[in-house]
Amino acid sequence: MPVYEYRCKKCGYQFERIQKMSEPPERRCERCGGSVAKLISSSGLMFKGAGWYVTDYSKKLKEDKKEKNGEKDKKEAAKPATSSNKPPDK
């Protein structure tokens, strides 16, 4: 359910209400009983997960990652092989 903000025209008190979209708006201030105005406020919407960011669809970034991974593979292939089957020195 959405959160609506109201401000009293008489005393300036500001408050929030969680209401269904089908419910009628508040008309009176909970403090002084004066009339209220509905405010326009920022939404509390949050996008999470893949697909919401520019970087998720950037071909250039994907190509850069592939190139970097290729460089790592080349570096690891150039390292001398070590055997871990040796018994420990005593």
N, C-alpha and C. Protein backbone atom coordinates (compact mmCIF):
# COMPACT_ATOMS: atom_id res chain seq x y z
N MET A 1 0.84 -1.18 0.00
CA MET A 1 0.00 0.00 0.00
C MET A 1 0.88 1.25 0.00
N PRO A 2 0.44 2.27 -0.70
CA PRO A 2 1.23 3.50 -0.77
C PRO A 2 1.16 4.31 0.53
N VAL A 3 2.19 5.11 0.73
CA VAL A 3 2.25 6.03 1.87
C VAL A 3 1.97 7.43 1.33
N TYR A 4 0.97 8.09 1.91
CA TYR A 4 0.61 9.45 1.51
C TYR A 4 1.01 10.42 2.61
N GLU A 5 1.50 11.59 2.20
CA GLU A 5 1.87 12.63 3.15
C GLU A 5 0.85 13.77 3.07
N TYR A 6 0.55 14.34 4.24
CA TYR A 6 -0.39 15.45 4.33
C TYR A 6 0.23 16.56 5.18
N ARG A 7 -0.19 17.80 4.91
CA ARG A 7 0.24 18.95 5.73
C ARG A 7 -1.01 19.76 6.07
N CYS A 8 -1.10 20.11 7.33
CA CYS A 8 -2.22 20.90 7.82
C CYS A 8 -2.07 22.34 7.33
N LYS A 9 -3.16 22.90 6.80
CA LYS A 9 -3.13 24.28 6.32
C LYS A 9 -3.19 25.27 7.48
N LYS A 10 -3.67 24.82 8.62
CA LYS A 10 -3.83 25.71 9.77
C LYS A 10 -2.58 25.76 10.65
N CYS A 11 -2.11 24.58 11.10
CA CYS A 11 -0.97 24.56 12.04
C CYS A 11 0.35 24.14 11.41
N GLY A 12 0.33 23.63 10.17
CA GLY A 12 1.56 23.24 9.48
C GLY A 12 2.06 21.85 9.82
N TYR A 13 1.33 21.12 10.67
CA TYR A 13 1.73 19.77 11.05
C TYR A 13 1.73 18.86 9.82
N GLN A 14 2.77 18.07 9.69
CA GLN A 14 2.92 17.16 8.55
C GLN A 14 2.87 15.73 9.07
N PHE A 15 2.09 14.86 8.39
CA PHE A 15 1.97 13.46 8.82
C PHE A 15 1.79 12.56 7.61
N GLU A 16 1.99 11.26 7.85
CA GLU A 16 1.88 10.25 6.80
C GLU A 16 0.76 9.28 7.12
N ARG A 17 0.18 8.72 6.07
CA ARG A 17 -0.85 7.69 6.21
C ARG A 17 -0.59 6.59 5.19
N ILE A 18 -0.68 5.34 5.64
CA ILE A 18 -0.64 4.21 4.72
C ILE A 18 -2.08 3.92 4.36
N GLN A 19 -2.41 4.10 3.08
CA GLN A 19 -3.78 3.95 2.63
C GLN A 19 -3.83 3.20 1.31
N LYS A 20 -4.94 2.52 1.10
CA LYS A 20 -5.19 1.92 -0.21
C LYS A 20 -5.45 3.05 -1.19
N MET A 21 -5.18 2.80 -2.46
CA MET A 21 -5.42 3.82 -3.47
C MET A 21 -6.92 4.12 -3.60
N SER A 22 -7.75 3.16 -3.25
CA SER A 22 -9.20 3.34 -3.36
C SER A 22 -9.80 4.08 -2.17
N GLU A 23 -9.05 4.26 -1.08
CA GLU A 23 -9.56 4.97 0.10
C GLU A 23 -9.62 6.47 -0.16
N PRO A 24 -10.59 7.15 0.44
CA PRO A 24 -10.65 8.62 0.29
C PRO A 24 -9.49 9.27 1.04
N PRO A 25 -9.00 10.40 0.55
CA PRO A 25 -7.87 11.07 1.23
C PRO A 25 -8.31 11.65 2.58
N GLU A 26 -7.32 11.87 3.44
CA GLU A 26 -7.57 12.51 4.73
C GLU A 26 -8.07 13.93 4.49
N ARG A 27 -8.94 14.41 5.37
CA ARG A 27 -9.48 15.76 5.22
C ARG A 27 -9.15 16.66 6.41
N ARG A 28 -8.89 16.06 7.57
CA ARG A 28 -8.66 16.84 8.79
C ARG A 28 -7.33 16.49 9.44
N CYS A 29 -6.72 17.48 10.06
CA CYS A 29 -5.46 17.31 10.79
C CYS A 29 -5.73 16.53 12.06
N GLU A 30 -4.83 15.61 12.37
CA GLU A 30 -5.01 14.80 13.58
C GLU A 30 -4.69 15.59 14.85
N ARG A 31 -3.99 16.71 14.74
CA ARG A 31 -3.66 17.53 15.92
C ARG A 31 -4.70 18.61 16.20
N CYS A 32 -4.98 19.45 15.18
CA CYS A 32 -5.84 20.60 15.45
C CYS A 32 -7.21 20.52 14.77
N GLY A 33 -7.38 19.57 13.86
CA GLY A 33 -8.67 19.43 13.18
C GLY A 33 -8.81 20.32 11.96
N GLY A 34 -7.76 21.06 11.61
CA GLY A 34 -7.79 21.92 10.42
C GLY A 34 -7.77 21.10 9.14
N SER A 35 -8.05 21.76 8.03
CA SER A 35 -8.04 21.04 6.75
C SER A 35 -6.60 20.76 6.33
N VAL A 36 -6.42 19.66 5.57
CA VAL A 36 -5.08 19.25 5.15
C VAL A 36 -4.97 19.22 3.64
N ALA A 37 -3.75 19.33 3.16
CA ALA A 37 -3.43 19.22 1.73
C ALA A 37 -2.55 18.00 1.54
N LYS A 38 -2.84 17.25 0.50
CA LYS A 38 -2.01 16.08 0.16
C LYS A 38 -0.74 16.58 -0.51
N LEU A 39 0.40 16.06 -0.08
CA LEU A 39 1.70 16.48 -0.61
C LEU A 39 2.19 15.51 -1.67
N ILE A 40 2.98 16.02 -2.57
CA ILE A 40 3.66 15.18 -3.55
C ILE A 40 5.02 14.86 -2.97
N SER A 41 5.34 13.60 -2.86
CA SER A 41 6.61 13.21 -2.25
C SER A 41 7.31 12.18 -3.13
N SER A 42 8.58 11.97 -2.83
CA SER A 42 9.36 10.98 -3.59
C SER A 42 8.89 9.58 -3.23
N SER A 43 9.02 8.70 -4.16
CA SER A 43 8.56 7.33 -3.92
C SER A 43 9.62 6.54 -3.20
N GLY A 44 9.20 5.52 -2.50
CA GLY A 44 10.12 4.64 -1.79
C GLY A 44 10.41 3.39 -2.59
N LEU A 45 10.36 3.49 -3.90
CA LEU A 45 10.56 2.36 -4.78
C LEU A 45 12.04 2.03 -4.90
N MET A 46 12.38 0.75 -4.77
CA MET A 46 13.77 0.35 -4.84
C MET A 46 13.89 -0.81 -5.81
N PHE A 47 14.77 -0.68 -6.79
CA PHE A 47 15.01 -1.74 -7.76
C PHE A 47 16.20 -2.57 -7.32
N LYS A 48 16.01 -3.87 -7.20
CA LYS A 48 17.09 -4.77 -6.82
C LYS A 48 17.18 -5.89 -7.85
N GLY A 49 18.36 -6.43 -7.99
CA GLY A 49 18.55 -7.56 -8.88
C GLY A 49 19.10 -7.15 -10.23
N ALA A 50 19.36 -8.13 -11.05
CA ALA A 50 19.95 -7.90 -12.37
C ALA A 50 18.92 -7.27 -13.30
N GLY A 51 19.43 -6.49 -14.24
CA GLY A 51 18.58 -5.92 -15.26
C GLY A 51 18.15 -4.50 -15.00
N TRP A 52 18.52 -3.91 -13.88
CA TRP A 52 18.07 -2.56 -13.56
C TRP A 52 19.15 -1.52 -13.76
N TYR A 53 20.34 -1.93 -14.07
CA TYR A 53 21.45 -0.99 -14.14
C TYR A 53 22.02 -0.94 -15.55
N VAL A 54 22.57 0.19 -15.92
CA VAL A 54 23.16 0.37 -17.24
C VAL A 54 24.27 -0.65 -17.45
N THR A 55 25.01 -0.95 -16.41
CA THR A 55 26.14 -1.87 -16.53
C THR A 55 25.70 -3.29 -16.85
N ASP A 56 24.45 -3.64 -16.59
CA ASP A 56 23.97 -4.98 -16.89
C ASP A 56 23.86 -5.23 -18.38
N TYR A 57 23.72 -4.17 -19.17
CA TYR A 57 23.52 -4.33 -20.60
C TYR A 57 24.66 -3.75 -21.43
N SER A 58 25.71 -3.34 -20.81
CA SER A 58 26.79 -2.70 -21.52
C SER A 58 27.68 -3.74 -22.21
N LYS A 59 27.71 -3.70 -23.54
CA LYS A 59 28.54 -4.64 -24.30
C LYS A 59 30.02 -4.35 -24.06
N LYS A 60 30.36 -3.06 -23.96
CA LYS A 60 31.75 -2.69 -23.77
C LYS A 60 32.30 -3.27 -22.46
N LEU A 61 31.54 -3.17 -21.40
CA LEU A 61 32.01 -3.70 -20.12
C LEU A 61 32.18 -5.21 -20.17
N LYS A 62 31.29 -5.89 -20.86
CA LYS A 62 31.40 -7.35 -20.99
C LYS A 62 32.65 -7.72 -21.78
N GLU A 63 32.93 -6.95 -22.84
CA GLU A 63 34.13 -7.22 -23.64
C GLU A 63 35.39 -6.97 -22.82
N ASP A 64 35.39 -5.90 -22.02
CA ASP A 64 36.54 -5.60 -21.17
C ASP A 64 36.78 -6.72 -20.17
N LYS A 65 35.72 -7.26 -19.61
CA LYS A 65 35.86 -8.34 -18.64
C LYS A 65 36.45 -9.58 -19.30
N LYS A 66 36.01 -9.88 -20.53
CA LYS A 66 36.54 -11.03 -21.24
C LYS A 66 38.03 -10.86 -21.51
N GLU A 67 38.43 -9.64 -21.91
CA GLU A 67 39.84 -9.37 -22.17
C GLU A 67 40.67 -9.53 -20.91
N LYS A 68 40.18 -9.01 -19.79
CA LYS A 68 40.90 -9.12 -18.52
C LYS A 68 41.03 -10.58 -18.10
N ASN A 69 39.95 -11.36 -18.26
CA ASN A 69 40.00 -12.77 -17.92
C ASN A 69 40.98 -13.52 -18.82
N GLY A 70 41.06 -13.14 -20.08
CA GLY A 70 42.01 -13.75 -21.01
C GLY A 70 43.44 -13.46 -20.59
N GLU A 71 43.72 -12.24 -20.12
CA GLU A 71 45.05 -11.89 -19.65
C GLU A 71 45.43 -12.69 -18.42
N LYS A 72 44.49 -12.93 -17.53
CA LYS A 72 44.76 -13.73 -16.33
C LYS A 72 45.11 -15.15 -16.72
N ASP A 73 44.36 -15.71 -17.68
CA ASP A 73 44.63 -17.08 -18.11
C ASP A 73 46.03 -17.19 -18.71
N LYS A 74 46.46 -16.18 -19.48
CA LYS A 74 47.79 -16.19 -20.08
C LYS A 74 48.86 -16.14 -19.00
N LYS A 75 48.67 -15.30 -17.97
CA LYS A 75 49.64 -15.18 -16.89
C LYS A 75 49.76 -16.48 -16.11
N GLU A 76 48.63 -17.13 -15.84
CA GLU A 76 48.66 -18.37 -15.07
C GLU A 76 49.28 -19.50 -15.89
N ALA A 77 49.10 -19.47 -17.21
CA ALA A 77 49.69 -20.50 -18.07
C ALA A 77 51.21 -20.34 -18.12
N ALA A 78 51.71 -19.12 -17.96
CA ALA A 78 53.15 -18.85 -18.03
C ALA A 78 53.87 -19.24 -16.75
N LYS A 79 53.15 -19.43 -15.64
CA LYS A 79 53.78 -19.79 -14.37
C LYS A 79 54.28 -21.23 -14.44
N PRO A 80 55.42 -21.50 -13.81
CA PRO A 80 55.90 -22.89 -13.80
C PRO A 80 54.96 -23.77 -12.96
N ALA A 81 54.81 -24.98 -13.41
CA ALA A 81 53.95 -25.91 -12.70
C ALA A 81 54.62 -26.39 -11.43
N THR A 82 53.86 -26.45 -10.35
CA THR A 82 54.40 -26.96 -9.08
C THR A 82 53.65 -28.21 -8.70
N SER A 83 54.38 -29.12 -8.14
CA SER A 83 53.77 -30.38 -7.74
C SER A 83 53.45 -30.32 -6.27
N SER A 84 52.24 -30.67 -5.94
CA SER A 84 51.85 -30.69 -4.53
C SER A 84 51.83 -32.12 -4.00
N ASN A 85 52.36 -33.07 -4.78
CA ASN A 85 52.39 -34.46 -4.36
C ASN A 85 53.66 -34.83 -3.58
N LYS A 86 54.56 -33.85 -3.40
CA LYS A 86 55.79 -34.11 -2.67
C LYS A 86 55.48 -34.31 -1.18
N PRO A 87 56.21 -35.23 -0.53
CA PRO A 87 56.03 -35.33 0.92
C PRO A 87 56.69 -34.15 1.59
N PRO A 88 56.16 -33.69 2.71
CA PRO A 88 56.74 -32.52 3.37
C PRO A 88 58.16 -32.81 3.86
N ASP A 89 59.03 -31.78 3.81
CA ASP A 89 60.42 -31.93 4.30
C ASP A 89 60.42 -31.98 5.81
N LYS A 90 61.31 -32.87 6.33
CA LYS A 90 61.42 -33.01 7.79
C LYS A 90 62.74 -32.55 8.27
